[in-house]
Protein backbone atom coordinates (compact mmCIF):
# COMPACT_ATOMS: atom_id res chain seq x y z
CA UNK A 1 34.56 29.63 -7.36
CA UNK A 2 33.79 33.05 -8.76
CA UNK A 3 33.18 36.04 -6.59
CA UNK A 4 29.69 36.26 -7.98
CA UNK A 5 28.90 32.80 -6.63
CA UNK A 6 30.60 33.60 -3.34
CA UNK A 7 28.58 36.78 -3.02
CA UNK A 8 25.33 34.86 -3.54
CA UNK A 9 25.85 32.73 -0.43
CA UNK A 10 27.42 35.62 1.45
CA UNK A 11 24.37 37.71 0.68
CA UNK A 12 22.16 34.90 1.93
CA UNK A 13 24.12 34.57 5.19
CA UNK A 14 23.90 38.31 5.83
CA UNK A 15 20.16 38.40 5.12
CA UNK A 16 19.19 35.31 7.12
CA UNK A 17 19.29 34.78 10.93
CA UNK A 18 21.93 32.25 11.89
CA UNK A 19 19.37 29.87 13.41
CA UNK A 20 17.53 29.69 10.06
CA UNK A 21 20.59 29.18 7.87
CA UNK A 22 20.26 25.82 6.16
CA UNK A 23 21.30 24.39 2.75
CA UNK A 24 17.70 23.62 1.73
CA UNK A 25 16.59 27.11 2.72
CA UNK A 26 19.50 28.57 0.73
CA UNK A 27 18.61 26.58 -2.39
CA UNK A 28 15.04 27.86 -2.24
CA UNK A 29 16.17 31.43 -1.47
CA UNK A 30 18.57 31.41 -4.42
CA UNK A 31 15.89 29.81 -6.66
CA UNK A 32 18.22 27.12 -7.99
CA UNK A 33 16.68 24.65 -10.43
CA UNK A 34 17.30 20.91 -10.11
CA UNK A 35 19.69 21.11 -13.07
CA UNK A 36 21.96 23.32 -10.96
CA UNK A 37 22.08 21.00 -7.95
CA UNK A 38 25.80 20.37 -8.37
CA UNK A 39 26.58 24.06 -8.72
CA UNK A 40 24.47 24.93 -5.67
CA UNK A 41 26.34 22.35 -3.60
CA UNK A 42 29.69 23.72 -4.73
CA UNK A 43 28.67 27.26 -3.81
CA UNK A 44 27.88 26.22 -0.25
CA UNK A 45 30.91 23.99 0.32
CA UNK A 46 33.56 26.24 -1.29
CA UNK A 47 32.24 29.41 0.33
CA UNK A 48 32.01 27.70 3.72
CA UNK A 49 35.64 26.60 3.41
CA UNK A 50 36.74 30.17 2.79
CA UNK A 51 35.03 31.60 5.90
CA UNK A 52 36.47 32.03 9.38
CA UNK A 53 36.93 28.88 11.41
CA UNK A 54 33.83 28.95 13.63
CA UNK A 55 31.46 30.01 10.87
CA UNK A 56 32.97 27.56 8.40
CA UNK A 57 32.69 24.67 10.87
CA UNK A 58 29.05 25.52 11.60
CA UNK A 59 28.16 25.61 7.91
CA UNK A 60 29.99 22.35 7.28
CA UNK A 61 28.05 20.68 10.12
CA UNK A 62 24.73 21.89 8.71
CA UNK A 63 25.73 20.56 5.31
CA UNK A 64 26.53 17.12 6.72
CA UNK A 65 23.33 16.94 8.80
CA UNK A 66 21.16 17.78 5.80
CA UNK A 67 22.36 14.95 3.53
CA UNK A 68 19.07 13.02 3.34
CA UNK A 69 16.97 16.16 3.19
CA UNK A 70 19.07 17.59 0.35
CA UNK A 71 18.70 14.45 -1.70
CA UNK A 72 14.94 14.39 -1.16
CA UNK A 73 14.67 18.12 -1.94
CA UNK A 74 16.35 17.80 -5.34
CA UNK A 75 14.33 14.70 -6.19
CA UNK A 76 11.01 16.40 -5.29
CA UNK A 77 12.03 19.55 -7.17
CA UNK A 78 12.97 17.55 -10.26
CA UNK A 79 9.59 15.78 -10.28
CA UNK A 80 7.73 19.08 -9.84
CA UNK A 81 9.65 20.71 -12.69
CA UNK A 82 8.95 17.75 -14.97
CA UNK A 83 5.25 17.81 -14.09
CA UNK A 84 5.05 21.57 -14.67
CA UNK A 85 6.78 21.19 -18.03
CA UNK A 86 4.43 18.43 -19.15
CA UNK A 87 1.39 20.43 -18.10
CA UNK A 88 2.76 23.50 -19.88
CA UNK A 89 3.26 21.50 -23.08
CA UNK A 90 -0.22 20.01 -22.74
CA UNK A 91 -1.84 23.42 -22.26
CA UNK A 92 0.13 24.90 -25.16
CA UNK A 93 -1.08 22.12 -27.43
CA UNK A 94 -4.66 22.60 -26.30
CA UNK A 95 -4.32 26.30 -27.06
CA UNK A 96 -3.82 25.50 -30.73
CA UNK A 97 -7.13 23.67 -30.94
CA UNK A 98 -10.35 25.41 -31.90
CA UNK A 99 -12.31 26.50 -28.83
CA UNK A 100 -15.36 24.60 -29.98
CA UNK A 101 -13.41 21.33 -30.01
CA UNK A 102 -11.49 21.79 -26.77
CA UNK A 103 -13.91 19.94 -24.52
CA UNK A 104 -14.22 16.93 -26.78
CA UNK A 105 -10.47 16.69 -27.37
CA UNK A 106 -9.70 16.95 -23.65
CA UNK A 107 -12.02 14.11 -22.82
CA UNK A 108 -11.09 11.74 -25.63
CA UNK A 109 -7.35 12.40 -25.55
CA UNK A 110 -6.79 12.53 -21.80
CA UNK A 111 -6.15 8.84 -21.17
CA UNK A 112 -3.95 8.62 -24.26
CA UNK A 113 -1.98 11.60 -23.03
CA UNK A 114 -1.37 10.00 -19.63
CA UNK A 115 -0.18 6.77 -21.26
CA UNK A 116 2.42 8.61 -23.33
CA UNK A 117 3.41 11.31 -20.84
CA UNK A 118 6.37 9.46 -19.33
CA UNK A 119 8.16 8.71 -22.60
CA UNK A 120 7.62 12.19 -24.12
CA UNK A 121 5.45 10.87 -26.96
CA UNK A 122 2.74 13.16 -28.21
CA UNK A 123 -0.75 12.53 -26.83
CA UNK A 124 -2.08 13.36 -30.27
CA UNK A 125 -1.03 10.12 -31.95
CA UNK A 126 -2.61 9.10 -35.20
CA UNK A 127 -4.75 6.01 -34.55
CA UNK A 128 -3.40 4.42 -37.74
CA UNK A 129 0.15 4.41 -36.42
CA UNK A 130 1.33 1.22 -34.67
CA UNK A 131 1.39 1.68 -30.92
CA UNK A 132 4.67 0.81 -29.29
CA UNK A 133 4.80 -0.92 -25.95
CA UNK A 134 6.63 1.29 -23.46
CA UNK A 135 9.48 -0.44 -21.67
CA UNK A 136 9.43 -0.35 -17.90
CA UNK A 137 11.99 2.15 -16.67
CA UNK A 138 13.99 1.21 -13.58
CA UNK A 139 16.44 4.09 -13.79
CA UNK A 140 17.68 5.66 -10.56
CA UNK A 141 15.82 8.86 -11.38
CA UNK A 142 12.42 7.17 -11.18
CA UNK A 143 10.73 6.76 -7.80
CA UNK A 144 9.09 3.58 -6.56
CA UNK A 145 5.61 5.05 -6.85
CA UNK A 146 6.26 6.05 -10.48
CA UNK A 147 7.26 2.46 -11.33
CA UNK A 148 3.81 1.45 -10.14
CA UNK A 149 1.97 4.18 -12.00
CA UNK A 150 3.05 3.02 -15.46
CA UNK A 151 1.28 -0.34 -15.08
CA UNK A 152 -1.72 -0.45 -17.38
CA UNK A 153 -5.10 -1.71 -16.28
CA UNK A 154 -4.89 -0.26 -12.76
CA UNK A 155 -8.13 1.25 -11.53
CA UNK A 156 -6.33 3.57 -9.10
CA UNK A 157 -4.41 5.16 -11.96
CA UNK A 158 -7.63 5.53 -13.92
CA UNK A 159 -9.27 7.38 -11.04
CA UNK A 160 -6.24 9.59 -10.43
CA UNK A 161 -6.28 10.62 -14.11
CA UNK A 162 -9.86 11.92 -13.92
CA UNK A 163 -10.49 15.35 -15.35
CA UNK A 164 -11.99 18.05 -13.10
CA UNK A 165 -15.74 17.66 -12.95
CA UNK A 166 -15.78 14.01 -13.98
CA UNK A 167 -17.62 11.55 -11.76
CA UNK A 168 -16.39 8.11 -10.70
CA UNK A 169 -19.51 6.42 -12.02
CA UNK A 170 -19.04 8.14 -15.37
CA UNK A 171 -15.32 7.27 -15.66
CA UNK A 172 -15.81 3.62 -14.64
CA UNK A 173 -19.09 3.32 -16.57
CA UNK A 174 -21.18 2.23 -13.62
CA UNK A 175 -24.91 2.85 -13.47
CA UNK A 176 -25.93 4.24 -10.10
CA UNK A 177 -29.38 2.65 -10.14
CA UNK A 178 -28.76 -0.63 -8.34
CA UNK A 179 -30.50 -1.81 -5.14
CA UNK A 180 -28.44 -3.74 -2.59
CA UNK A 181 -29.98 -6.20 -0.16
CA UNK A 182 -28.39 -6.69 3.27
CA UNK A 183 -30.12 -6.85 6.66
CA UNK A 184 -28.01 -7.12 9.81
CA UNK A 185 -29.84 -7.63 13.13
CA UNK A 186 -32.87 -5.73 11.90
CA UNK A 187 -30.82 -2.93 10.34
CA UNK A 188 -31.45 -2.41 6.61
CA UNK A 189 -27.80 -2.01 5.69
CA UNK A 190 -28.66 -2.61 2.04
CA UNK A 191 -30.86 0.47 1.76
CA UNK A 192 -28.26 2.68 3.46
CA UNK A 193 -25.49 1.26 1.28
CA UNK A 194 -27.57 1.84 -1.86
CA UNK A 195 -27.86 5.54 -0.96
CA UNK A 196 -24.11 5.69 -0.28
CA UNK A 197 -23.35 3.89 -3.57
CA UNK A 198 -25.47 6.36 -5.57
CA UNK A 199 -23.74 9.36 -3.98
CA UNK A 200 -20.30 7.90 -4.69
CA UNK A 201 -21.20 7.39 -8.37
CA UNK A 202 -21.71 11.16 -8.60
CA UNK A 203 -18.50 12.09 -6.80
CA UNK A 204 -14.98 12.66 -8.12
CA UNK A 205 -12.16 10.53 -6.76
CA UNK A 206 -10.45 11.75 -3.57
CA UNK A 207 -7.45 9.67 -2.54
CA UNK A 208 -8.08 10.36 1.16
CA UNK A 209 -11.34 8.41 0.95
CA UNK A 210 -10.71 5.08 -0.83
CA UNK A 211 -13.96 3.80 0.71
CA UNK A 212 -15.94 5.95 -1.74
CA UNK A 213 -14.31 4.28 -4.74
CA UNK A 214 -14.57 0.79 -3.22
CA UNK A 215 -18.31 1.32 -2.72
CA UNK A 216 -18.60 1.04 -6.50
CA UNK A 217 -17.51 -2.62 -6.09
CA UNK A 218 -20.13 -3.21 -3.36
CA UNK A 219 -17.32 -3.09 -0.76
CA UNK A 220 -18.16 -1.29 2.49
CA UNK A 221 -14.77 -0.16 3.83
CA UNK A 222 -14.93 1.01 7.45
CA UNK A 223 -11.68 2.51 8.72
CA UNK A 224 -11.03 3.38 12.36
CA UNK A 225 -10.42 7.04 11.52
CA UNK A 226 -10.54 9.62 8.69
CA UNK A 227 -13.86 8.31 7.41
CA UNK A 228 -15.51 9.70 4.31
CA UNK A 229 -18.17 12.39 4.89
CA UNK A 230 -20.44 10.53 2.46
CA UNK A 231 -20.06 7.34 4.48
CA UNK A 232 -20.83 9.17 7.72
CA UNK A 233 -23.85 10.88 6.20
CA UNK A 234 -25.27 7.56 5.04
CA UNK A 235 -24.57 5.42 8.11
CA UNK A 236 -23.92 7.82 11.02
CA UNK A 237 -21.14 7.20 13.53
CA UNK A 238 -23.03 5.11 16.11
CA UNK A 239 -24.47 2.78 13.48
CA UNK A 240 -21.00 2.24 12.00
CA UNK A 241 -19.71 1.27 15.44
CA UNK A 242 -22.50 -1.30 15.76
CA UNK A 243 -21.80 -2.69 12.30
CA UNK A 244 -18.05 -2.93 12.94
CA UNK A 245 -18.64 -5.10 15.99
CA UNK A 246 -20.98 -7.32 13.98
CA UNK A 247 -18.66 -7.61 11.00
CA UNK A 248 -15.69 -8.40 13.22
CA UNK A 249 -17.49 -11.56 14.31
CA UNK A 250 -15.90 -13.30 11.31
CA UNK A 251 -12.57 -13.16 13.19
CA UNK A 252 -12.15 -16.39 15.21
CA UNK A 253 -12.00 -15.85 18.97
CA UNK A 254 -8.85 -16.67 20.91
CA UNK A 255 -8.20 -19.13 23.73
CA UNK A 256 -7.71 -16.65 26.57
CA UNK A 257 -5.69 -18.95 28.83
CA UNK A 258 -3.42 -20.04 25.97
CA UNK A 259 -2.86 -16.46 24.83
CA UNK A 260 -1.79 -15.41 28.34
CA UNK A 261 0.88 -18.14 28.31
CA UNK A 262 1.97 -17.21 24.78
CA UNK A 263 2.32 -13.55 25.69
CA UNK A 264 4.28 -14.37 28.84
CA UNK A 265 6.79 -16.45 26.86
CA UNK A 266 7.26 -13.82 24.15
CA UNK A 267 7.62 -11.16 26.86
CA UNK A 268 10.46 -13.22 28.37
CA UNK A 269 12.22 -13.40 24.99
CA UNK A 270 11.78 -9.66 24.50
CA UNK A 271 13.37 -9.02 27.87
CA UNK A 272 16.46 -10.93 26.81
CA UNK A 273 16.96 -9.02 23.56
CA UNK A 274 16.59 -5.65 25.28
CA UNK A 275 19.97 -6.12 27.00
CA UNK A 276 21.95 -6.52 23.76
CA UNK A 277 24.56 -3.70 23.81
CA UNK A 278 25.00 -1.36 20.87
CA UNK A 279 28.75 -1.89 20.42
CA UNK A 280 29.40 -4.59 17.81
CA UNK A 281 32.36 -6.17 19.60
CA UNK A 282 30.39 -6.40 22.84
CA UNK A 283 27.02 -7.56 21.54
CA UNK A 284 28.18 -10.67 19.68
CA UNK A 285 28.83 -12.72 22.88
CA UNK A 286 25.49 -11.50 24.25
CA UNK A 287 23.70 -12.63 21.11
CA UNK A 288 25.26 -16.08 21.43
CA UNK A 289 24.08 -16.25 25.04
CA UNK A 290 20.51 -15.33 24.04
CA UNK A 291 20.50 -17.93 21.28
CA UNK A 292 21.38 -20.55 23.88
CA UNK A 293 18.52 -19.41 26.12
CA UNK A 294 16.10 -19.50 23.19
CA UNK A 295 17.19 -23.03 22.34
CA UNK A 296 16.16 -24.12 25.84
CA UNK A 297 12.64 -22.75 25.22
CA UNK A 298 12.04 -24.61 21.96
CA UNK A 299 9.81 -27.34 23.40
CA UNK A 300 7.68 -24.84 25.30
CA UNK A 301 7.34 -22.76 22.12
CA UNK A 302 6.10 -25.84 20.23
CA UNK A 303 3.62 -26.69 23.00
CA UNK A 304 2.23 -23.12 22.90
CA UNK A 305 1.98 -23.02 19.09
CA UNK A 306 4.80 -20.47 18.87
CA UNK A 307 7.34 -22.55 16.96
CA UNK A 308 7.45 -20.20 13.94
CA UNK A 309 7.66 -17.13 16.17
CA UNK A 310 10.52 -18.77 18.08
CA UNK A 311 12.31 -19.33 14.76
CA UNK A 312 11.72 -15.67 13.88
CA UNK A 313 13.36 -14.56 17.14
CA UNK A 314 16.38 -16.79 16.46
CA UNK A 315 16.82 -15.46 12.92
CA UNK A 316 16.39 -11.87 14.15
CA UNK A 317 19.06 -12.27 16.83
CA UNK A 318 21.38 -13.63 14.16
CA UNK A 319 20.54 -11.20 11.39
CA UNK A 320 19.18 -7.86 12.57
CA UNK A 321 21.29 -4.88 13.61
CA UNK A 322 21.00 -3.76 17.21
CA UNK A 323 19.74 -0.45 15.84
CA UNK A 324 18.58 0.10 12.27
CA UNK A 325 18.61 3.49 10.52
CA UNK A 326 15.22 4.16 8.98
CA UNK A 327 16.59 4.81 5.50
CA UNK A 328 15.52 1.78 3.46
CA UNK A 329 13.23 1.62 0.43
CA UNK A 330 10.08 -0.46 -0.11
CA UNK A 331 11.63 -3.59 -1.61
CA UNK A 332 14.44 -3.60 0.97
CA UNK A 333 11.97 -3.25 3.83
CA UNK A 334 9.82 -6.14 2.58
CA UNK A 335 12.79 -8.44 1.99
CA UNK A 336 14.74 -7.59 5.15
CA UNK A 337 12.08 -7.06 7.83
CA UNK A 338 8.50 -7.63 6.70
CA UNK A 339 8.81 -11.03 5.07
CA UNK A 340 10.33 -12.91 8.00
CA UNK A 341 7.80 -11.56 10.49
CA UNK A 342 4.70 -12.17 8.37
CA UNK A 343 5.90 -15.58 7.23
CA UNK A 344 6.17 -16.54 10.91
CA UNK A 345 2.50 -15.69 11.53
CA UNK A 346 0.81 -16.21 8.16
CA UNK A 347 2.65 -19.07 6.43
CA UNK A 348 1.44 -22.67 6.80
CA UNK A 349 3.77 -25.50 5.90
CA UNK A 350 2.79 -27.29 2.67
CA UNK A 351 -0.45 -25.29 2.46
CA UNK A 352 -0.06 -21.48 2.34
CA UNK A 353 3.16 -19.78 1.27
CA UNK A 354 3.93 -16.14 1.99
CA UNK A 355 4.92 -14.77 -1.41
CA UNK A 356 6.32 -11.48 -2.65
CA UNK A 357 4.24 -11.42 -5.82
CA UNK A 358 6.04 -11.33 -9.16
CA UNK A 359 2.95 -11.31 -11.39
CA UNK A 360 -0.58 -9.98 -11.55
CA UNK A 361 -3.15 -11.29 -9.08
CA UNK A 362 -4.60 -14.66 -10.13
CA UNK A 363 -7.97 -13.71 -8.64
CA UNK A 364 -8.08 -10.47 -10.62
CA UNK A 365 -7.06 -12.32 -13.78
CA UNK A 366 -9.84 -14.86 -13.13
CA UNK A 367 -12.36 -12.03 -12.70
CA UNK A 368 -11.31 -10.43 -15.98
CA UNK A 369 -11.35 -13.75 -17.85
CA UNK A 370 -14.82 -14.96 -16.87
CA UNK A 371 -16.31 -11.47 -17.37
CA UNK A 372 -14.47 -10.97 -20.69
CA UNK A 373 -12.80 -7.78 -19.50
CA UNK A 374 -9.69 -6.15 -20.91
CA UNK A 375 -6.59 -4.82 -19.14
CA UNK A 376 -3.79 -6.38 -17.15
CA UNK A 377 -4.40 -7.36 -13.49
CA UNK A 378 -2.46 -5.31 -10.94
CA UNK A 379 0.45 -6.97 -9.15
CA UNK A 380 0.12 -7.01 -5.34
CA UNK A 381 3.25 -6.57 -3.22
CA UNK A 382 2.55 -9.66 -1.09
CA UNK A 383 0.11 -12.54 -1.32
CA UNK A 384 -0.81 -15.74 0.51
CA UNK A 385 -0.45 -18.50 -2.10
CA UNK A 386 -2.70 -21.44 -1.10
CA UNK A 387 -1.94 -24.73 -2.83
CA UNK A 388 -3.52 -28.11 -2.07
CA UNK A 389 -3.97 -31.03 -4.48
CA UNK A 390 -3.22 -28.78 -7.46
CA UNK A 391 -5.93 -26.31 -6.39
CA UNK A 392 -4.58 -22.78 -6.00
CA UNK A 393 -6.10 -19.64 -4.48
CA UNK A 394 -4.91 -16.34 -3.01
CA UNK A 395 -6.01 -16.15 0.62
CA UNK A 396 -4.55 -12.81 1.77
CA UNK A 397 -2.96 -9.72 0.23
CA UNK A 398 -0.53 -7.04 1.35
CA UNK A 399 0.68 -3.70 0.01
CA UNK A 400 3.61 -1.62 1.29
CA UNK A 401 4.73 1.99 1.10
CA UNK A 402 8.40 2.78 1.62
CA UNK A 403 9.42 4.28 4.93
CA UNK A 404 11.14 6.94 2.81
CA UNK A 405 8.14 7.68 0.60
CA UNK A 406 5.78 9.47 3.02
CA UNK A 407 3.18 9.43 0.28
CA UNK A 408 -0.40 9.49 1.57
CA UNK A 409 -1.86 9.22 -1.95
CA UNK A 410 0.06 5.98 -2.60
CA UNK A 411 -1.00 4.52 0.77
CA UNK A 412 -4.68 5.30 0.18
CA UNK A 413 -4.41 4.02 -3.39
CA UNK A 414 -2.97 0.77 -2.04
CA UNK A 415 -5.95 0.47 0.33
CA UNK A 416 -8.24 0.74 -2.68
CA UNK A 417 -6.23 -1.90 -4.54
CA UNK A 418 -6.41 -4.23 -1.53
CA UNK A 419 -10.20 -3.99 -1.56
CA UNK A 420 -10.24 -4.92 -5.25
CA UNK A 421 -7.83 -7.85 -4.68
CA UNK A 422 -9.82 -9.05 -1.67
CA UNK A 423 -13.20 -8.99 -3.39
CA UNK A 424 -11.88 -10.74 -6.49
CA UNK A 425 -10.30 -13.46 -4.34
CA UNK A 426 -13.47 -13.88 -2.24
CA UNK A 427 -15.60 -14.24 -5.39
CA UNK A 428 -13.15 -16.68 -6.97
CA UNK A 429 -13.10 -18.94 -3.88
CA UNK A 430 -16.89 -18.81 -3.53
CA UNK A 431 -17.29 -19.61 -7.22
CA UNK A 432 -14.88 -22.53 -7.42
CA UNK A 433 -14.87 -23.92 -3.86
CA UNK A 434 -18.40 -22.88 -2.86
CA UNK A 435 -17.06 -21.30 0.35
CA UNK A 436 -17.52 -17.82 1.81
CA UNK A 437 -14.32 -17.13 3.71
CA UNK A 438 -12.74 -14.05 5.33
CA UNK A 439 -9.90 -12.50 3.32
CA UNK A 440 -7.11 -10.82 5.27
CA UNK A 441 -5.80 -7.57 3.78
CA UNK A 442 -2.99 -5.46 5.20
CA UNK A 443 -1.37 -2.18 4.22
CA UNK A 444 2.11 -1.28 5.49
CA UNK A 445 3.03 2.37 5.87
CA UNK A 446 6.70 2.58 6.83
CA UNK A 447 6.97 0.01 9.61
CA UNK A 448 3.33 0.05 10.76
CA UNK A 449 0.92 -2.58 9.46
CA UNK A 450 -2.80 -1.77 9.31
CA UNK A 451 -5.02 -4.84 8.86
CA UNK A 452 -8.49 -5.33 7.40
CA UNK A 453 -10.76 -8.33 7.02
CA UNK A 454 -13.14 -8.64 4.06
CA UNK A 455 -16.14 -10.95 3.88
CA UNK A 456 -19.54 -11.02 2.22
CA UNK A 457 -22.92 -10.40 3.83
CA UNK A 458 -25.65 -10.89 1.25
CA UNK A 459 -25.03 -8.21 -1.44
CA UNK A 460 -22.47 -6.17 0.50
CA UNK A 461 -18.78 -6.91 1.18
CA UNK A 462 -17.75 -5.40 4.54
CA UNK A 463 -14.02 -4.57 4.74
CA UNK A 464 -13.36 -3.66 8.35
CA UNK A 465 -10.18 -2.37 9.92
CA UNK A 466 -9.18 -4.63 12.82
CA UNK A 467 -6.04 -2.96 14.19
CA UNK A 468 -2.40 -2.08 13.71
CA UNK A 469 0.92 -3.69 14.57
CA UNK A 470 4.54 -2.51 14.50
CA UNK A 471 7.15 -4.32 12.43
CA UNK A 472 10.55 -4.66 14.14
CA UNK A 473 13.51 -3.62 12.01
CA UNK A 474 16.18 -4.08 14.72
CA UNK A 475 16.93 -6.25 17.73
CA UNK A 476 15.91 -3.44 20.08
CA UNK A 477 12.47 -3.27 18.44
CA UNK A 478 11.67 -6.95 19.03
CA UNK A 479 10.03 -5.77 22.24
CA UNK A 480 7.13 -4.60 20.06
CA UNK A 481 6.15 -8.22 19.52
CA UNK A 482 5.28 -8.87 23.16
CA UNK A 483 3.06 -5.78 23.19
CA UNK A 484 1.40 -6.44 19.82
CA UNK A 485 1.23 -10.25 20.05
CA UNK A 486 -2.61 -10.44 20.39
CA UNK A 487 -2.90 -8.49 17.13
CA UNK A 488 -0.49 -10.77 15.21
CA UNK A 489 -2.17 -13.91 16.59
CA UNK A 490 -5.52 -12.51 15.44
CA UNK A 491 -4.19 -12.24 11.89
CA UNK A 492 -2.97 -15.81 12.09
CA UNK A 493 -6.39 -17.05 13.22
CA UNK A 494 -8.04 -15.34 10.24
CA UNK A 495 -5.74 -16.86 7.60
CA UNK A 496 -5.92 -20.28 9.25
CA UNK A 497 -9.73 -20.15 9.24
CA UNK A 498 -9.68 -19.33 5.53
CA UNK A 499 -7.15 -21.98 4.54
CA UNK A 500 -8.89 -24.65 6.67
CA UNK A 501 -12.26 -23.99 4.99
CA UNK A 502 -10.75 -24.13 1.51
CA UNK A 503 -8.67 -27.22 2.32
CA UNK A 504 -11.78 -29.02 3.61
CA UNK A 505 -13.67 -28.07 0.46
CA UNK A 506 -10.88 -29.49 -1.71
CA UNK A 507 -10.80 -32.73 0.32
CA UNK A 508 -14.61 -33.00 0.10
CA UNK A 509 -14.52 -32.79 -3.71
CA UNK A 510 -16.40 -29.49 -3.82
CA UNK A 511 -14.12 -27.87 -6.41
CA UNK A 512 -15.94 -26.97 -9.64
CA UNK A 513 -14.17 -24.65 -12.08
CA UNK A 514 -17.34 -24.35 -14.18
CA UNK A 515 -19.54 -23.09 -11.33
CA UNK A 516 -20.87 -19.56 -11.92
CA UNK A 517 -22.56 -17.58 -9.16
CA UNK A 518 -23.85 -14.03 -9.37
CA UNK A 519 -21.70 -11.22 -7.94
CA UNK A 520 -21.74 -7.48 -8.27
CA UNK A 521 -18.76 -6.78 -10.59
CA UNK A 522 -15.50 -5.44 -9.20
CA UNK A 523 -14.41 -2.03 -10.51
CA UNK A 524 -11.86 -2.24 -13.27
CA UNK A 525 -10.40 -0.05 -16.00
CA UNK A 526 -12.65 1.89 -18.38
CA UNK A 527 -11.28 -0.09 -21.31
CA UNK A 528 -13.22 -3.09 -20.02
CA UNK A 529 -15.83 -4.64 -22.23
CA UNK A 530 -19.15 -5.07 -20.53
CA UNK A 531 -19.02 -1.62 -18.98
CA UNK A 532 -19.80 -2.80 -15.42
CA UNK A 533 -23.32 -1.48 -15.57
CA UNK A 534 -25.25 -4.43 -14.17
CA UNK A 535 -24.82 -7.54 -12.06
CA UNK A 536 -22.81 -10.06 -14.03
CA UNK A 537 -22.35 -13.74 -13.52
CA UNK A 538 -18.96 -14.60 -12.08
């Protein structure tokens, strides 16, 4: 290590209070670029090794403790530098264009630019040249959210690519003049929603308020918090509270006496798992003991309709760590922790399968097909795959954001996607099976699941938040289930109500693939034919 490099860290240590000395702070202070990450690391480690014992030990400890933060810092810095470079190139190219033509070029070329930005192709491609299909990049340098963003036909991406000053109605080609009819207990919800819809058409997209974008699909999203100012102005807080209680009536009520017994049994199981010691050599005998106790409760679990939850406890005792570091990515979290829990509550044997989707939504594909729209349907993270007598539907949808991502824009974008999936599925089931059923939608942020239920009331589709539940990722966290059990059982009642209605319709011979009812169209990409400017038959 050269003296110049040594002096750079030495200068930093002399200029910075000891309590504030940190590798990340040093990288920023020294203005290292992401390309010099390896050099910056060497400066810290080599210089620390050359210092006196106490100081060297302290710097080494800070280096070790900052491992995850350092990795995230360089990744975030790399993305920022790439984005800045792309914007610089874009602005430089625009500077070469005649001022009179700038506005027109920016509008017409913007979507093409975004499509080619990732693979460094020019946004100014001659339309006569053959367009190459970009391969999906799964390199280690690409984040999970960026894998999602290169999917074409995704309305969230379209909205996020809006130019300053553009309006959602303009970008999605939706006419704002459309009256909605919906009266709930004497309240003209339709008139209020029409006013809200018209305001949203004239607004730009803000990821914090997915309800504004969903309004353009006739979906009235009501969250428990962080509500859109436009929604509050149209409906007022007290009225929204009244509507939420009314809309939640689609959720089947519980058997209070049965639920008390169910919660007591799960509480007993949770008490057993709480005594599993952290030491691996000590906890194995304890796990075997708990498995024996659980086996003795099998009949009671069956009698209380908790057989699947009992199985989940057994598999968790066998498979989960006593404590789990919160360092896993989205796909790992779904496969290792989310799937087993949700399958226990939402899966129905030989009727509804919990599926980690590997293709675009069938309901969205159906919507595009019958309305002759272009674009590829978005792929949900999770879906309830109903299948009975060769009739298939999607009865619930889930999206997930990695516990490592901490990306509010992705979470809110997923909420918007869920509303689109839910409405498409509701319309498809009503079209083919002639049934209006509640559609369960859930969005997972880290290890917290937020649930919504979507249904239709005349011209409006309420999508109401019904609560949150915690997803256990370790044996110690299984105690969450006893506390959140009423919430999870509520989700199960919703999906069972939906699947039962559809199953009965299939058995009654009500399935008609040629049936066409009228629905307000779901928002889709601006490449769609038909332009979404009036009610279409679906």
